[in-house]
Amino acid sequence: LSGNHCYGCGTENAHGLHIKSYWAAENKAVCHFTPQPFHIAAPTHFL
């Protein structure tokens, strides 16, 4: 996707999350995401 500056999925956002999605089966897209320690909620052990 050219021109995608989205914080979550844009490859053209240097500070974004850069999620990656792909086809795993017909009409089933998968994305793996590994949280970083600073992605915490109020309790520090949750996303």
PDB file of all heavy atoms in Angstrom:
ATOM      1  N   LEU A   1       0.839  -1.205   0.000  1.00  0.00           N
ATOM      2  CA  LEU A   1       0.000   0.000   0.000  1.00  0.00           C
ATOM      3  C   LEU A   1       0.868   1.246   0.000  1.00  0.00           C
ATOM      4  O   LEU A   1       1.510   1.569   0.999  1.00  0.00           O
ATOM      5  CB  LEU A   1      -0.926   0.004   1.224  1.00  0.00           C
ATOM      6  CG  LEU A   1      -1.957  -1.104   1.287  1.00  0.00           C
ATOM      7  CD1 LEU A   1      -2.679  -1.092   2.631  1.00  0.00           C
ATOM      8  CD2 LEU A   1      -2.947  -0.975   0.144  1.00  0.00           C
ATOM      9  N   SER A   2       0.878   1.945  -1.097  1.00  0.00           N
ATOM     10  CA  SER A   2       1.652   3.167  -1.215  1.00  0.00           C
ATOM     11  C   SER A   2       0.875   4.339  -0.612  1.00  0.00           C
ATOM     12  O   SER A   2      -0.331   4.457  -0.802  1.00  0.00           O
ATOM     13  CB  SER A   2       1.944   3.438  -2.693  1.00  0.00           C
ATOM     14  OG  SER A   2       2.666   4.625  -2.827  1.00  0.00           O
ATOM     15  N   GLY A   3       1.571   5.191   0.125  1.00  0.00           N
ATOM     16  CA  GLY A   3       0.944   6.383   0.681  1.00  0.00           C
ATOM     17  C   GLY A   3       0.221   6.155   1.996  1.00  0.00           C
ATOM     18  O   GLY A   3      -0.567   6.985   2.419  1.00  0.00           O
ATOM     19  N   ASN A   4       0.504   5.046   2.681  1.00  0.00           N
ATOM     20  CA  ASN A   4      -0.180   4.754   3.938  1.00  0.00           C
ATOM     21  C   ASN A   4       0.674   5.233   5.117  1.00  0.00           C
ATOM     22  O   ASN A   4       1.686   4.639   5.448  1.00  0.00           O
ATOM     23  CB  ASN A   4      -0.458   3.253   4.062  1.00  0.00           C
ATOM     24  CG  ASN A   4      -1.275   2.918   5.289  1.00  0.00           C
ATOM     25  OD1 ASN A   4      -1.683   3.778   6.054  1.00  0.00           O
ATOM     26  ND2 ASN A   4      -1.523   1.638   5.479  1.00  0.00           N
ATOM     27  N   HIS A   5       0.221   6.319   5.754  1.00  0.00           N
ATOM     28  CA  HIS A   5       0.934   6.923   6.879  1.00  0.00           C
ATOM     29  C   HIS A   5       0.269   6.603   8.215  1.00  0.00           C
ATOM     30  O   HIS A   5       0.582   7.219   9.228  1.00  0.00           O
ATOM     31  CB  HIS A   5       1.014   8.446   6.692  1.00  0.00           C
ATOM     32  CG  HIS A   5       1.727   8.828   5.438  1.00  0.00           C
ATOM     33  ND1 HIS A   5       3.088   8.924   5.356  1.00  0.00           N
ATOM     34  CD2 HIS A   5       1.254   9.096   4.197  1.00  0.00           C
ATOM     35  CE1 HIS A   5       3.431   9.260   4.127  1.00  0.00           C
ATOM     36  NE2 HIS A   5       2.346   9.368   3.399  1.00  0.00           N
ATOM     37  N   CYS A   6      -0.624   5.650   8.242  1.00  0.00           N
ATOM     38  CA  CYS A   6      -1.383   5.314   9.441  1.00  0.00           C
ATOM     39  C   CYS A   6      -0.464   4.904  10.587  1.00  0.00           C
ATOM     40  O   CYS A   6       0.503   4.171  10.379  1.00  0.00           O
ATOM     41  CB  CYS A   6      -2.370   4.191   9.125  1.00  0.00           C
ATOM     42  SG  CYS A   6      -3.331   3.648  10.559  1.00  0.00           S
ATOM     43  N   TYR A   7      -0.803   5.324  11.792  1.00  0.00           N
ATOM     44  CA  TYR A   7      -0.020   4.967  12.978  1.00  0.00           C
ATOM     45  C   TYR A   7       0.019   3.456  13.205  1.00  0.00           C
ATOM     46  O   TYR A   7       1.050   2.901  13.570  1.00  0.00           O
ATOM     47  CB  TYR A   7      -0.592   5.662  14.222  1.00  0.00           C
ATOM     48  CG  TYR A   7       0.065   5.207  15.498  1.00  0.00           C
ATOM     49  CD1 TYR A   7       1.373   5.587  15.802  1.00  0.00           C
ATOM     50  CD2 TYR A   7      -0.605   4.376  16.391  1.00  0.00           C
ATOM     51  CE1 TYR A   7       1.992   5.154  16.963  1.00  0.00           C
ATOM     52  CE2 TYR A   7       0.017   3.945  17.554  1.00  0.00           C
ATOM     53  CZ  TYR A   7       1.311   4.336  17.834  1.00  0.00           C
ATOM     54  OH  TYR A   7       1.913   3.895  18.981  1.00  0.00           O
ATOM     55  N   GLY A   8      -1.070   2.775  12.960  1.00  0.00           N
ATOM     56  CA  GLY A   8      -1.131   1.346  13.233  1.00  0.00           C
ATOM     57  C   GLY A   8      -0.554   0.483  12.132  1.00  0.00           C
ATOM     58  O   GLY A   8       0.179  -0.467  12.383  1.00  0.00           O
ATOM     59  N   CYS A   9      -0.897   0.809  10.875  1.00  0.00           N
ATOM     60  CA  CYS A   9      -0.556  -0.102   9.782  1.00  0.00           C
ATOM     61  C   CYS A   9       0.299   0.517   8.684  1.00  0.00           C
ATOM     62  O   CYS A   9       0.709  -0.176   7.755  1.00  0.00           O
ATOM     63  CB  CYS A   9      -1.828  -0.684   9.159  1.00  0.00           C
ATOM     64  SG  CYS A   9      -2.945   0.553   8.460  1.00  0.00           S
ATOM     65  N   GLY A  10       0.580   1.783   8.764  1.00  0.00           N
ATOM     66  CA  GLY A  10       1.307   2.452   7.691  1.00  0.00           C
ATOM     67  C   GLY A  10       2.792   2.181   7.701  1.00  0.00           C
ATOM     68  O   GLY A  10       3.453   2.351   8.719  1.00  0.00           O
ATOM     69  N   THR A  11       3.300   1.776   6.560  1.00  0.00           N
ATOM     70  CA  THR A  11       4.743   1.571   6.432  1.00  0.00           C
ATOM     71  C   THR A  11       5.472   2.905   6.327  1.00  0.00           C
ATOM     72  O   THR A  11       6.687   2.961   6.519  1.00  0.00           O
ATOM     73  CB  THR A  11       5.077   0.723   5.188  1.00  0.00           C
ATOM     74  OG1 THR A  11       4.575   1.383   4.031  1.00  0.00           O
ATOM     75  CG2 THR A  11       4.481  -0.666   5.288  1.00  0.00           C
ATOM     76  N   GLU A  12       4.726   3.976   6.052  1.00  0.00           N
ATOM     77  CA  GLU A  12       5.338   5.288   5.848  1.00  0.00           C
ATOM     78  C   GLU A  12       5.237   6.172   7.091  1.00  0.00           C
ATOM     79  O   GLU A  12       5.372   7.386   7.002  1.00  0.00           O
ATOM     80  CB  GLU A  12       4.723   5.944   4.610  1.00  0.00           C
ATOM     81  CG  GLU A  12       4.999   5.108   3.364  1.00  0.00           C
ATOM     82  CD  GLU A  12       4.393   5.660   2.102  1.00  0.00           C
ATOM     83  OE1 GLU A  12       4.300   6.900   1.953  1.00  0.00           O
ATOM     84  OE2 GLU A  12       4.015   4.841   1.239  1.00  0.00           O
ATOM     85  N   ASN A  13       5.025   5.565   8.255  1.00  0.00           N
ATOM     86  CA  ASN A  13       5.011   6.288   9.520  1.00  0.00           C
ATOM     87  C   ASN A  13       6.150   5.732  10.370  1.00  0.00           C
ATOM     88  O   ASN A  13       6.065   4.620  10.898  1.00  0.00           O
ATOM     89  CB  ASN A  13       3.672   6.107  10.239  1.00  0.00           C
ATOM     90  CG  ASN A  13       3.576   6.928  11.508  1.00  0.00           C
ATOM     91  OD1 ASN A  13       4.563   7.196  12.168  1.00  0.00           O
ATOM     92  ND2 ASN A  13       2.361   7.317  11.847  1.00  0.00           N
ATOM     93  N   ALA A  14       7.203   6.504  10.493  1.00  0.00           N
ATOM     94  CA  ALA A  14       8.402   6.042  11.202  1.00  0.00           C
ATOM     95  C   ALA A  14       8.126   5.693  12.668  1.00  0.00           C
ATOM     96  O   ALA A  14       8.837   4.883  13.256  1.00  0.00           O
ATOM     97  CB  ALA A  14       9.492   7.112  11.117  1.00  0.00           C
ATOM     98  N   HIS A  15       7.107   6.276  13.264  1.00  0.00           N
ATOM     99  CA  HIS A  15       6.818   6.056  14.677  1.00  0.00           C
ATOM    100  C   HIS A  15       5.648   5.105  14.904  1.00  0.00           C
ATOM    101  O   HIS A  15       5.217   4.907  16.038  1.00  0.00           O
ATOM    102  CB  HIS A  15       6.529   7.396  15.366  1.00  0.00           C
ATOM    103  CG  HIS A  15       7.661   8.356  15.239  1.00  0.00           C
ATOM    104  ND1 HIS A  15       8.833   8.235  15.950  1.00  0.00           N
ATOM    105  CD2 HIS A  15       7.819   9.436  14.445  1.00  0.00           C
ATOM    106  CE1 HIS A  15       9.653   9.195  15.621  1.00  0.00           C
ATOM    107  NE2 HIS A  15       9.066   9.947  14.703  1.00  0.00           N
ATOM    108  N   GLY A  16       5.138   4.503  13.841  1.00  0.00           N
ATOM    109  CA  GLY A  16       3.954   3.667  13.943  1.00  0.00           C
ATOM    110  C   GLY A  16       4.214   2.263  14.460  1.00  0.00           C
ATOM    111  O   GLY A  16       5.350   1.870  14.735  1.00  0.00           O
ATOM    112  N   LEU A  17       3.122   1.505  14.570  1.00  0.00           N
ATOM    113  CA  LEU A  17       3.174   0.130  15.070  1.00  0.00           C
ATOM    114  C   LEU A  17       3.639  -0.857  13.998  1.00  0.00           C
ATOM    115  O   LEU A  17       4.135  -1.928  14.322  1.00  0.00           O
ATOM    116  CB  LEU A  17       1.799  -0.287  15.591  1.00  0.00           C
ATOM    117  CG  LEU A  17       1.270   0.528  16.766  1.00  0.00           C
ATOM    118  CD1 LEU A  17      -0.161   0.117  17.081  1.00  0.00           C
ATOM    119  CD2 LEU A  17       2.171   0.368  17.979  1.00  0.00           C
ATOM    120  N   HIS A  18       3.419  -0.523  12.731  1.00  0.00           N
ATOM    121  CA  HIS A  18       3.838  -1.347  11.595  1.00  0.00           C
ATOM    122  C   HIS A  18       3.307  -2.777  11.651  1.00  0.00           C
ATOM    123  O   HIS A  18       4.049  -3.731  11.439  1.00  0.00           O
ATOM    124  CB  HIS A  18       5.362  -1.360  11.444  1.00  0.00           C
ATOM    125  CG  HIS A  18       5.942  -0.003  11.263  1.00  0.00           C
ATOM    126  ND1 HIS A  18       6.991   0.456  12.001  1.00  0.00           N
ATOM    127  CD2 HIS A  18       5.603   1.021  10.442  1.00  0.00           C
ATOM    128  CE1 HIS A  18       7.282   1.690  11.645  1.00  0.00           C
ATOM    129  NE2 HIS A  18       6.445   2.052  10.694  1.00  0.00           N
ATOM    130  N   ILE A  19       2.001  -2.914  11.925  1.00  0.00           N
ATOM    131  CA  ILE A  19       1.435  -4.263  11.915  1.00  0.00           C
ATOM    132  C   ILE A  19       1.528  -4.837  10.505  1.00  0.00           C
ATOM    133  O   ILE A  19       1.591  -4.097   9.524  1.00  0.00           O
ATOM    134  CB  ILE A  19      -0.024  -4.307  12.434  1.00  0.00           C
ATOM    135  CG1 ILE A  19      -0.976  -3.641  11.443  1.00  0.00           C
ATOM    136  CG2 ILE A  19      -0.133  -3.728  13.835  1.00  0.00           C
ATOM    137  CD1 ILE A  19      -2.421  -4.056  11.615  1.00  0.00           C
ATOM    138  N   LYS A  20       1.551  -6.146  10.423  1.00  0.00           N
ATOM    139  CA  LYS A  20       1.671  -6.842   9.137  1.00  0.00           C
ATOM    140  C   LYS A  20       0.579  -7.901   9.049  1.00  0.00           C
ATOM    141  O   LYS A  20       0.474  -8.771   9.918  1.00  0.00           O
ATOM    142  CB  LYS A  20       3.033  -7.528   9.007  1.00  0.00           C
ATOM    143  CG  LYS A  20       4.222  -6.576   9.103  1.00  0.00           C
ATOM    144  CD  LYS A  20       4.333  -5.719   7.882  1.00  0.00           C
ATOM    145  CE  LYS A  20       5.610  -4.895   7.928  1.00  0.00           C
ATOM    146  NZ  LYS A  20       5.734  -4.028   6.783  1.00  0.00           N
ATOM    147  N   SER A  21      -0.218  -7.823   7.999  1.00  0.00           N
ATOM    148  CA  SER A  21      -1.333  -8.752   7.781  1.00  0.00           C
ATOM    149  C   SER A  21      -1.080  -9.554   6.515  1.00  0.00           C
ATOM    150  O   SER A  21      -0.489  -9.051   5.563  1.00  0.00           O
ATOM    151  CB  SER A  21      -2.646  -7.967   7.618  1.00  0.00           C
ATOM    152  OG  SER A  21      -2.849  -7.085   8.703  1.00  0.00           O
ATOM    153  N   TYR A  22      -1.556 -10.801   6.502  1.00  0.00           N
ATOM    154  CA  TYR A  22      -1.369 -11.658   5.338  1.00  0.00           C
ATOM    155  C   TYR A  22      -2.491 -12.685   5.269  1.00  0.00           C
ATOM    156  O   TYR A  22      -3.177 -12.947   6.271  1.00  0.00           O
ATOM    157  CB  TYR A  22      -0.005 -12.363   5.394  1.00  0.00           C
ATOM    158  CG  TYR A  22       0.161 -13.286   6.577  1.00  0.00           C
ATOM    159  CD1 TYR A  22      -0.138 -14.647   6.466  1.00  0.00           C
ATOM    160  CD2 TYR A  22       0.602 -12.809   7.807  1.00  0.00           C
ATOM    161  CE1 TYR A  22       0.004 -15.503   7.549  1.00  0.00           C
ATOM    162  CE2 TYR A  22       0.739 -13.658   8.888  1.00  0.00           C
ATOM    163  CZ  TYR A  22       0.437 -15.000   8.761  1.00  0.00           C
ATOM    164  OH  TYR A  22       0.564 -15.836   9.836  1.00  0.00           O
ATOM    165  N   TRP A  23      -2.672 -13.260   4.090  1.00  0.00           N
ATOM    166  CA  TRP A  23      -3.670 -14.317   3.921  1.00  0.00           C
ATOM    167  C   TRP A  23      -3.118 -15.614   4.492  1.00  0.00           C
ATOM    168  O   TRP A  23      -2.063 -16.073   4.084  1.00  0.00           O
ATOM    169  CB  TRP A  23      -4.037 -14.521   2.454  1.00  0.00           C
ATOM    170  CG  TRP A  23      -4.787 -13.398   1.831  1.00  0.00           C
ATOM    171  CD1 TRP A  23      -4.411 -12.691   0.726  1.00  0.00           C
ATOM    172  CD2 TRP A  23      -6.049 -12.860   2.228  1.00  0.00           C
ATOM    173  NE1 TRP A  23      -5.343 -11.733   0.439  1.00  0.00           N
ATOM    174  CE2 TRP A  23      -6.371 -11.816   1.349  1.00  0.00           C
ATOM    175  CE3 TRP A  23      -6.936 -13.136   3.277  1.00  0.00           C
ATOM    176  CZ2 TRP A  23      -7.537 -11.063   1.471  1.00  0.00           C
ATOM    177  CZ3 TRP A  23      -8.088 -12.390   3.390  1.00  0.00           C
ATOM    178  CH2 TRP A  23      -8.382 -11.370   2.496  1.00  0.00           C
ATOM    179  N   ALA A  24      -3.868 -16.221   5.398  1.00  0.00           N
ATOM    180  CA  ALA A  24      -3.500 -17.533   5.949  1.00  0.00           C
ATOM    181  C   ALA A  24      -4.346 -18.622   5.317  1.00  0.00           C
ATOM    182  O   ALA A  24      -3.973 -19.783   5.311  1.00  0.00           O
ATOM    183  CB  ALA A  24      -3.689 -17.542   7.458  1.00  0.00           C
ATOM    184  N   ALA A  25      -5.503 -18.240   4.794  1.00  0.00           N
ATOM    185  CA  ALA A  25      -6.435 -19.145   4.122  1.00  0.00           C
ATOM    186  C   ALA A  25      -7.352 -18.256   3.292  1.00  0.00           C
ATOM    187  O   ALA A  25      -7.285 -17.027   3.367  1.00  0.00           O
ATOM    188  CB  ALA A  25      -7.247 -19.953   5.136  1.00  0.00           C
ATOM    189  N   GLU A  26      -8.216 -18.887   2.511  1.00  0.00           N
ATOM    190  CA  GLU A  26      -9.148 -18.092   1.720  1.00  0.00           C
ATOM    191  C   GLU A  26     -10.012 -17.250   2.663  1.00  0.00           C
ATOM    192  O   GLU A  26     -10.662 -17.775   3.560  1.00  0.00           O
ATOM    193  CB  GLU A  26     -10.042 -19.001   0.874  1.00  0.00           C
ATOM    194  CG  GLU A  26     -10.943 -18.222  -0.058  1.00  0.00           C
ATOM    195  CD  GLU A  26     -11.750 -19.128  -0.973  1.00  0.00           C
ATOM    196  OE1 GLU A  26     -11.323 -20.275  -1.215  1.00  0.00           O
ATOM    197  OE2 GLU A  26     -12.788 -18.676  -1.431  1.00  0.00           O
ATOM    198  N   ASN A  27      -9.973 -15.942   2.481  1.00  0.00           N
ATOM    199  CA  ASN A  27     -10.730 -14.980   3.278  1.00  0.00           C
ATOM    200  C   ASN A  27     -10.446 -15.092   4.779  1.00  0.00           C
ATOM    201  O   ASN A  27     -11.312 -14.872   5.608  1.00  0.00           O
ATOM    202  CB  ASN A  27     -12.238 -15.087   3.016  1.00  0.00           C
ATOM    203  CG  ASN A  27     -12.996 -13.905   3.599  1.00  0.00           C
ATOM    204  OD1 ASN A  27     -12.447 -12.825   3.790  1.00  0.00           O
ATOM    205  ND2 ASN A  27     -14.249 -14.110   3.905  1.00  0.00           N
ATOM    206  N   LYS A  28      -9.222 -15.419   5.141  1.00  0.00           N
ATOM    207  CA  LYS A  28      -8.793 -15.390   6.540  1.00  0.00           C
ATOM    208  C   LYS A  28      -7.429 -14.726   6.601  1.00  0.00           C
ATOM    209  O   LYS A  28      -6.422 -15.311   6.203  1.00  0.00           O
ATOM    210  CB  LYS A  28      -8.722 -16.782   7.151  1.00  0.00           C
ATOM    211  CG  LYS A  28      -8.289 -16.769   8.609  1.00  0.00           C
ATOM    212  CD  LYS A  28      -8.187 -18.183   9.162  1.00  0.00           C
ATOM    213  CE  LYS A  28      -7.668 -18.164  10.586  1.00  0.00           C
ATOM    214  NZ  LYS A  28      -7.474 -19.537  11.078  1.00  0.00           N
ATOM    215  N   ALA A  29      -7.433 -13.493   7.080  1.00  0.00           N
ATOM    216  CA  ALA A  29      -6.196 -12.739   7.202  1.00  0.00           C
ATOM    217  C   ALA A  29      -5.707 -12.812   8.647  1.00  0.00           C
ATOM    218  O   ALA A  29      -6.498 -12.764   9.584  1.00  0.00           O
ATOM    219  CB  ALA A  29      -6.418 -11.286   6.800  1.00  0.00           C
ATOM    220  N   VAL A  30      -4.409 -12.921   8.787  1.00  0.00           N
ATOM    221  CA  VAL A  30      -3.796 -13.062  10.105  1.00  0.00           C
ATOM    222  C   VAL A  30      -2.761 -11.961  10.306  1.00  0.00           C
ATOM    223  O   VAL A  30      -2.109 -11.519   9.358  1.00  0.00           O
ATOM    224  CB  VAL A  30      -3.143 -14.456  10.246  1.00  0.00           C
ATOM    225  CG1 VAL A  30      -2.321 -14.568  11.513  1.00  0.00           C
ATOM    226  CG2 VAL A  30      -4.203 -15.543  10.209  1.00  0.00           C
ATOM    227  N   CYS A  31      -2.633 -11.545  11.557  1.00  0.00           N
ATOM    228  CA  CYS A  31      -1.619 -10.573  11.957  1.00  0.00           C
ATOM    229  C   CYS A  31      -1.071 -11.012  13.307  1.00  0.00           C
ATOM    230  O   CYS A  31      -1.840 -11.334  14.215  1.00  0.00           O
ATOM    231  CB  CYS A  31      -2.240  -9.181  12.075  1.00  0.00           C
ATOM    232  SG  CYS A  31      -1.161  -7.926  12.799  1.00  0.00           S
ATOM    233  N   HIS A  32       0.245 -11.043  13.431  1.00  0.00           N
ATOM    234  CA  HIS A  32       0.903 -11.333  14.704  1.00  0.00           C
ATOM    235  C   HIS A  32       1.463 -10.016  15.231  1.00  0.00           C
ATOM    236  O   HIS A  32       2.111  -9.277  14.486  1.00  0.00           O
ATOM    237  CB  HIS A  32       2.040 -12.331  14.514  1.00  0.00           C
ATOM    238  CG  HIS A  32       1.575 -13.662  14.029  1.00  0.00           C
ATOM    239  ND1 HIS A  32       1.343 -14.720  14.869  1.00  0.00           N
ATOM    240  CD2 HIS A  32       1.281 -14.103  12.781  1.00  0.00           C
ATOM    241  CE1 HIS A  32       0.926 -15.751  14.165  1.00  0.00           C
ATOM    242  NE2 HIS A  32       0.879 -15.400  12.891  1.00  0.00           N
ATOM    243  N   PHE A  33       1.217  -9.740  16.499  1.00  0.00           N
ATOM    244  CA  PHE A  33       1.700  -8.494  17.094  1.00  0.00           C
ATOM    245  C   PHE A  33       2.290  -8.813  18.464  1.00  0.00           C
ATOM    246  O   PHE A  33       1.643  -9.471  19.282  1.00  0.00           O
ATOM    247  CB  PHE A  33       0.554  -7.481  17.233  1.00  0.00           C
ATOM    248  CG  PHE A  33       0.973  -6.185  17.857  1.00  0.00           C
ATOM    249  CD1 PHE A  33       1.646  -5.227  17.114  1.00  0.00           C
ATOM    250  CD2 PHE A  33       0.702  -5.924  19.193  1.00  0.00           C
ATOM    251  CE1 PHE A  33       2.042  -4.025  17.687  1.00  0.00           C
ATOM    252  CE2 PHE A  33       1.096  -4.723  19.777  1.00  0.00           C
ATOM    253  CZ  PHE A  33       1.765  -3.778  19.026  1.00  0.00           C
ATOM    254  N   THR A  34       3.505  -8.338  18.677  1.00  0.00           N
ATOM    255  CA  THR A  34       4.158  -8.514  19.972  1.00  0.00           C
ATOM    256  C   THR A  34       4.211  -7.163  20.670  1.00  0.00           C
ATOM    257  O   THR A  34       4.903  -6.251  20.203  1.00  0.00           O
ATOM    258  CB  THR A  34       5.579  -9.080  19.800  1.00  0.00           C
ATOM    259  OG1 THR A  34       5.487 -10.324  19.084  1.00  0.00           O
ATOM    260  CG2 THR A  34       6.244  -9.307  21.145  1.00  0.00           C
ATOM    261  N   PRO A  35       3.470  -7.023  21.767  1.00  0.00           N
ATOM    262  CA  PRO A  35       3.470  -5.745  22.491  1.00  0.00           C
ATOM    263  C   PRO A  35       4.849  -5.404  23.045  1.00  0.00           C
ATOM    264  O   PRO A  35       5.643  -6.294  23.367  1.00  0.00           O
ATOM    265  CB  PRO A  35       2.487  -5.985  23.644  1.00  0.00           C
ATOM    266  CG  PRO A  35       1.670  -7.165  23.238  1.00  0.00           C
ATOM    267  CD  PRO A  35       2.570  -8.000  22.373  1.00  0.00           C
ATOM    268  N   GLN A  36       5.086  -4.122  23.138  1.00  0.00           N
ATOM    269  CA  GLN A  36       6.297  -3.608  23.774  1.00  0.00           C
ATOM    270  C   GLN A  36       5.951  -3.223  25.216  1.00  0.00           C
ATOM    271  O   GLN A  36       4.779  -2.958  25.522  1.00  0.00           O
ATOM    272  CB  GLN A  36       6.813  -2.393  23.004  1.00  0.00           C
ATOM    273  CG  GLN A  36       7.189  -2.704  21.564  1.00  0.00           C
ATOM    274  CD  GLN A  36       8.297  -3.731  21.473  1.00  0.00           C
ATOM    275  OE1 GLN A  36       9.348  -3.589  22.093  1.00  0.00           O
ATOM    276  NE2 GLN A  36       8.054  -4.791  20.716  1.00  0.00           N
ATOM    277  N   PRO A  37       6.919  -3.165  26.100  1.00  0.00           N
ATOM    278  CA  PRO A  37       6.638  -2.850  27.504  1.00  0.00           C
ATOM    279  C   PRO A  37       5.889  -1.533  27.709  1.00  0.00           C
ATOM    280  O   PRO A  37       5.105  -1.398  28.643  1.00  0.00           O
ATOM    281  CB  PRO A  37       8.036  -2.794  28.145  1.00  0.00           C
ATOM    282  CG  PRO A  37       8.887  -3.662  27.274  1.00  0.00           C
ATOM    283  CD  PRO A  37       8.329  -3.496  25.873  1.00  0.00           C
ATOM    284  N   PHE A  38       6.068  -0.562  26.822  1.00  0.00           N
ATOM    285  CA  PHE A  38       5.402   0.736  26.951  1.00  0.00           C
ATOM    286  C   PHE A  38       3.974   0.736  26.402  1.00  0.00           C
ATOM    287  O   PHE A  38       3.291   1.753  26.459  1.00  0.00           O
ATOM    288  CB  PHE A  38       6.232   1.859  26.309  1.00  0.00           C
ATOM    289  CG  PHE A  38       6.651   1.569  24.889  1.00  0.00           C
ATOM    290  CD1 PHE A  38       5.816   1.883  23.829  1.00  0.00           C
ATOM    291  CD2 PHE A  38       7.886   0.990  24.622  1.00  0.00           C
ATOM    292  CE1 PHE A  38       6.196   1.628  22.519  1.00  0.00           C
ATOM    293  CE2 PHE A  38       8.280   0.734  23.316  1.00  0.00           C
ATOM    294  CZ  PHE A  38       7.435   1.042  22.265  1.00  0.00           C
ATOM    295  N   HIS A  39       3.476  -0.381  25.906  1.00  0.00           N
ATOM    296  CA  HIS A  39       2.091  -0.515  25.439  1.00  0.00           C
ATOM    297  C   HIS A  39       1.153  -0.913  26.578  1.00  0.00           C
ATOM    298  O   HIS A  39       0.057  -1.406  26.356  1.00  0.00           O
ATOM    299  CB  HIS A  39       1.996  -1.554  24.312  1.00  0.00           C
ATOM    300  CG  HIS A  39       2.687  -1.149  23.056  1.00  0.00           C
ATOM    301  ND1 HIS A  39       3.299  -2.065  22.226  1.00  0.00           N
ATOM    302  CD2 HIS A  39       2.874   0.062  22.482  1.00  0.00           C
ATOM    303  CE1 HIS A  39       3.831  -1.430  21.186  1.00  0.00           C
ATOM    304  NE2 HIS A  39       3.581  -0.140  21.323  1.00  0.00           N
ATOM    305  N   ILE A  40       1.551  -0.671  27.797  1.00  0.00           N
ATOM    306  CA  ILE A  40       0.824  -1.123  28.984  1.00  0.00           C
ATOM    307  C   ILE A  40      -0.461  -0.337  29.237  1.00  0.00           C
ATOM    308  O   ILE A  40      -0.624   0.799  28.803  1.00  0.00           O
ATOM    309  CB  ILE A  40       1.705  -1.041  30.242  1.00  0.00           C
ATOM    310  CG1 ILE A  40       2.229   0.380  30.458  1.00  0.00           C
ATOM    311  CG2 ILE A  40       2.823  -2.048  30.173  1.00  0.00           C
ATOM    312  CD1 ILE A  40       3.003   0.586  31.747  1.00  0.00           C
ATOM    313  N   ALA A  41      -1.346  -0.989  29.969  1.00  0.00           N
ATOM    314  CA  ALA A  41      -2.551  -0.361  30.499  1.00  0.00           C
ATOM    315  C   ALA A  41      -2.199   0.198  31.886  1.00  0.00           C
ATOM    316  O   ALA A  41      -1.026   0.227  32.267  1.00  0.00           O
ATOM    317  CB  ALA A  41      -3.671  -1.396  30.589  1.00  0.00           C
ATOM    318  N   ALA A  42      -3.211   0.607  32.658  1.00  0.00           N
ATOM    319  CA  ALA A  42      -2.945   1.087  34.027  1.00  0.00           C
ATOM    320  C   ALA A  42      -2.266  -0.006  34.850  1.00  0.00           C
ATOM    321  O   ALA A  42      -1.225   0.245  35.458  1.00  0.00           O
ATOM    322  CB  ALA A  42      -4.222   1.572  34.686  1.00  0.00           C
ATOM    323  N   PRO A  43      -2.799  -1.235  34.873  1.00  0.00           N
ATOM    324  CA  PRO A  43      -1.998  -2.299  35.492  1.00  0.00           C
ATOM    325  C   PRO A  43      -0.908  -2.706  34.498  1.00  0.00           C
ATOM    326  O   PRO A  43      -1.187  -2.999  33.335  1.00  0.00           O
ATOM    327  CB  PRO A  43      -2.987  -3.440  35.733  1.00  0.00           C
ATOM    328  CG  PRO A  43      -4.236  -3.096  35.004  1.00  0.00           C
ATOM    329  CD  PRO A  43      -4.130  -1.694  34.502  1.00  0.00           C
ATOM    330  N   THR A  44       0.307  -2.671  34.914  1.00  0.00           N
ATOM    331  CA  THR A  44       1.437  -2.794  34.000  1.00  0.00           C
ATOM    332  C   THR A  44       1.612  -4.169  33.369  1.00  0.00           C
ATOM    333  O   THR A  44       2.454  -4.334  32.491  1.00  0.00           O
ATOM    334  CB  THR A  44       2.749  -2.406  34.706  1.00  0.00           C
ATOM    335  OG1 THR A  44       2.927  -3.263  35.839  1.00  0.00           O
ATOM    336  CG2 THR A  44       2.704  -0.948  35.157  1.00  0.00           C
ATOM    337  N   HIS A  45       0.818  -5.142  33.758  1.00  0.00           N
ATOM    338  CA  HIS A  45       0.940  -6.481  33.171  1.00  0.00           C
ATOM    339  C   HIS A  45      -0.077  -6.729  32.061  1.00  0.00           C
ATOM    340  O   HIS A  45      -0.140  -7.818  31.517  1.00  0.00           O
ATOM    341  CB  HIS A  45       0.845  -7.559  34.261  1.00  0.00           C
ATOM    342  CG  HIS A  45      -0.353  -7.467  35.131  1.00  0.00           C
ATOM    343  ND1 HIS A  45      -0.496  -6.487  36.107  1.00  0.00           N
ATOM    344  CD2 HIS A  45      -1.478  -8.207  35.180  1.00  0.00           C
ATOM    345  CE1 HIS A  45      -1.657  -6.642  36.708  1.00  0.00           C
ATOM    346  NE2 HIS A  45      -2.267  -7.677  36.163  1.00  0.00           N
ATOM    347  N   PHE A  46      -0.884  -5.695  31.713  1.00  0.00           N
ATOM    348  CA  PHE A  46      -1.882  -5.844  30.654  1.00  0.00           C
ATOM    349  C   PHE A  46      -1.622  -4.881  29.504  1.00  0.00           C
ATOM    350  O   PHE A  46      -1.108  -3.782  29.700  1.00  0.00           O
ATOM    351  CB  PHE A  46      -3.296  -5.602  31.181  1.00  0.00           C
ATOM    352  CG  PHE A  46      -3.784  -6.663  32.121  1.00  0.00           C
ATOM    353  CD1 PHE A  46      -4.313  -6.320  33.345  1.00  0.00           C
ATOM    354  CD2 PHE A  46      -3.723  -8.009  31.783  1.00  0.00           C
ATOM    355  CE1 PHE A  46      -4.776  -7.293  34.227  1.00  0.00           C
ATOM    356  CE2 PHE A  46      -4.174  -8.992  32.644  1.00  0.00           C
ATOM    357  CZ  PHE A  46      -4.693  -8.635  33.876  1.00  0.00           C
ATOM    358  N   LEU A  47      -2.039  -5.300  28.299  1.00  0.00           N
ATOM    359  CA  LEU A  47      -1.961  -4.484  27.092  1.00  0.00           C
ATOM    360  C   LEU A  47      -3.063  -3.430  27.119  1.00  0.00           C
ATOM    361  O   LEU A  47      -4.211  -3.726  27.477  1.00  0.00           O
ATOM    362  CB  LEU A  47      -2.100  -5.383  25.856  1.00  0.00           C
ATOM    363  CG  LEU A  47      -2.039  -4.746  24.473  1.00  0.00           C
ATOM    364  CD1 LEU A  47      -0.727  -3.989  24.260  1.00  0.00           C
ATOM    365  CD2 LEU A  47      -2.202  -5.829  23.406  1.00  0.00           C
TER     366      LEU A  47
END
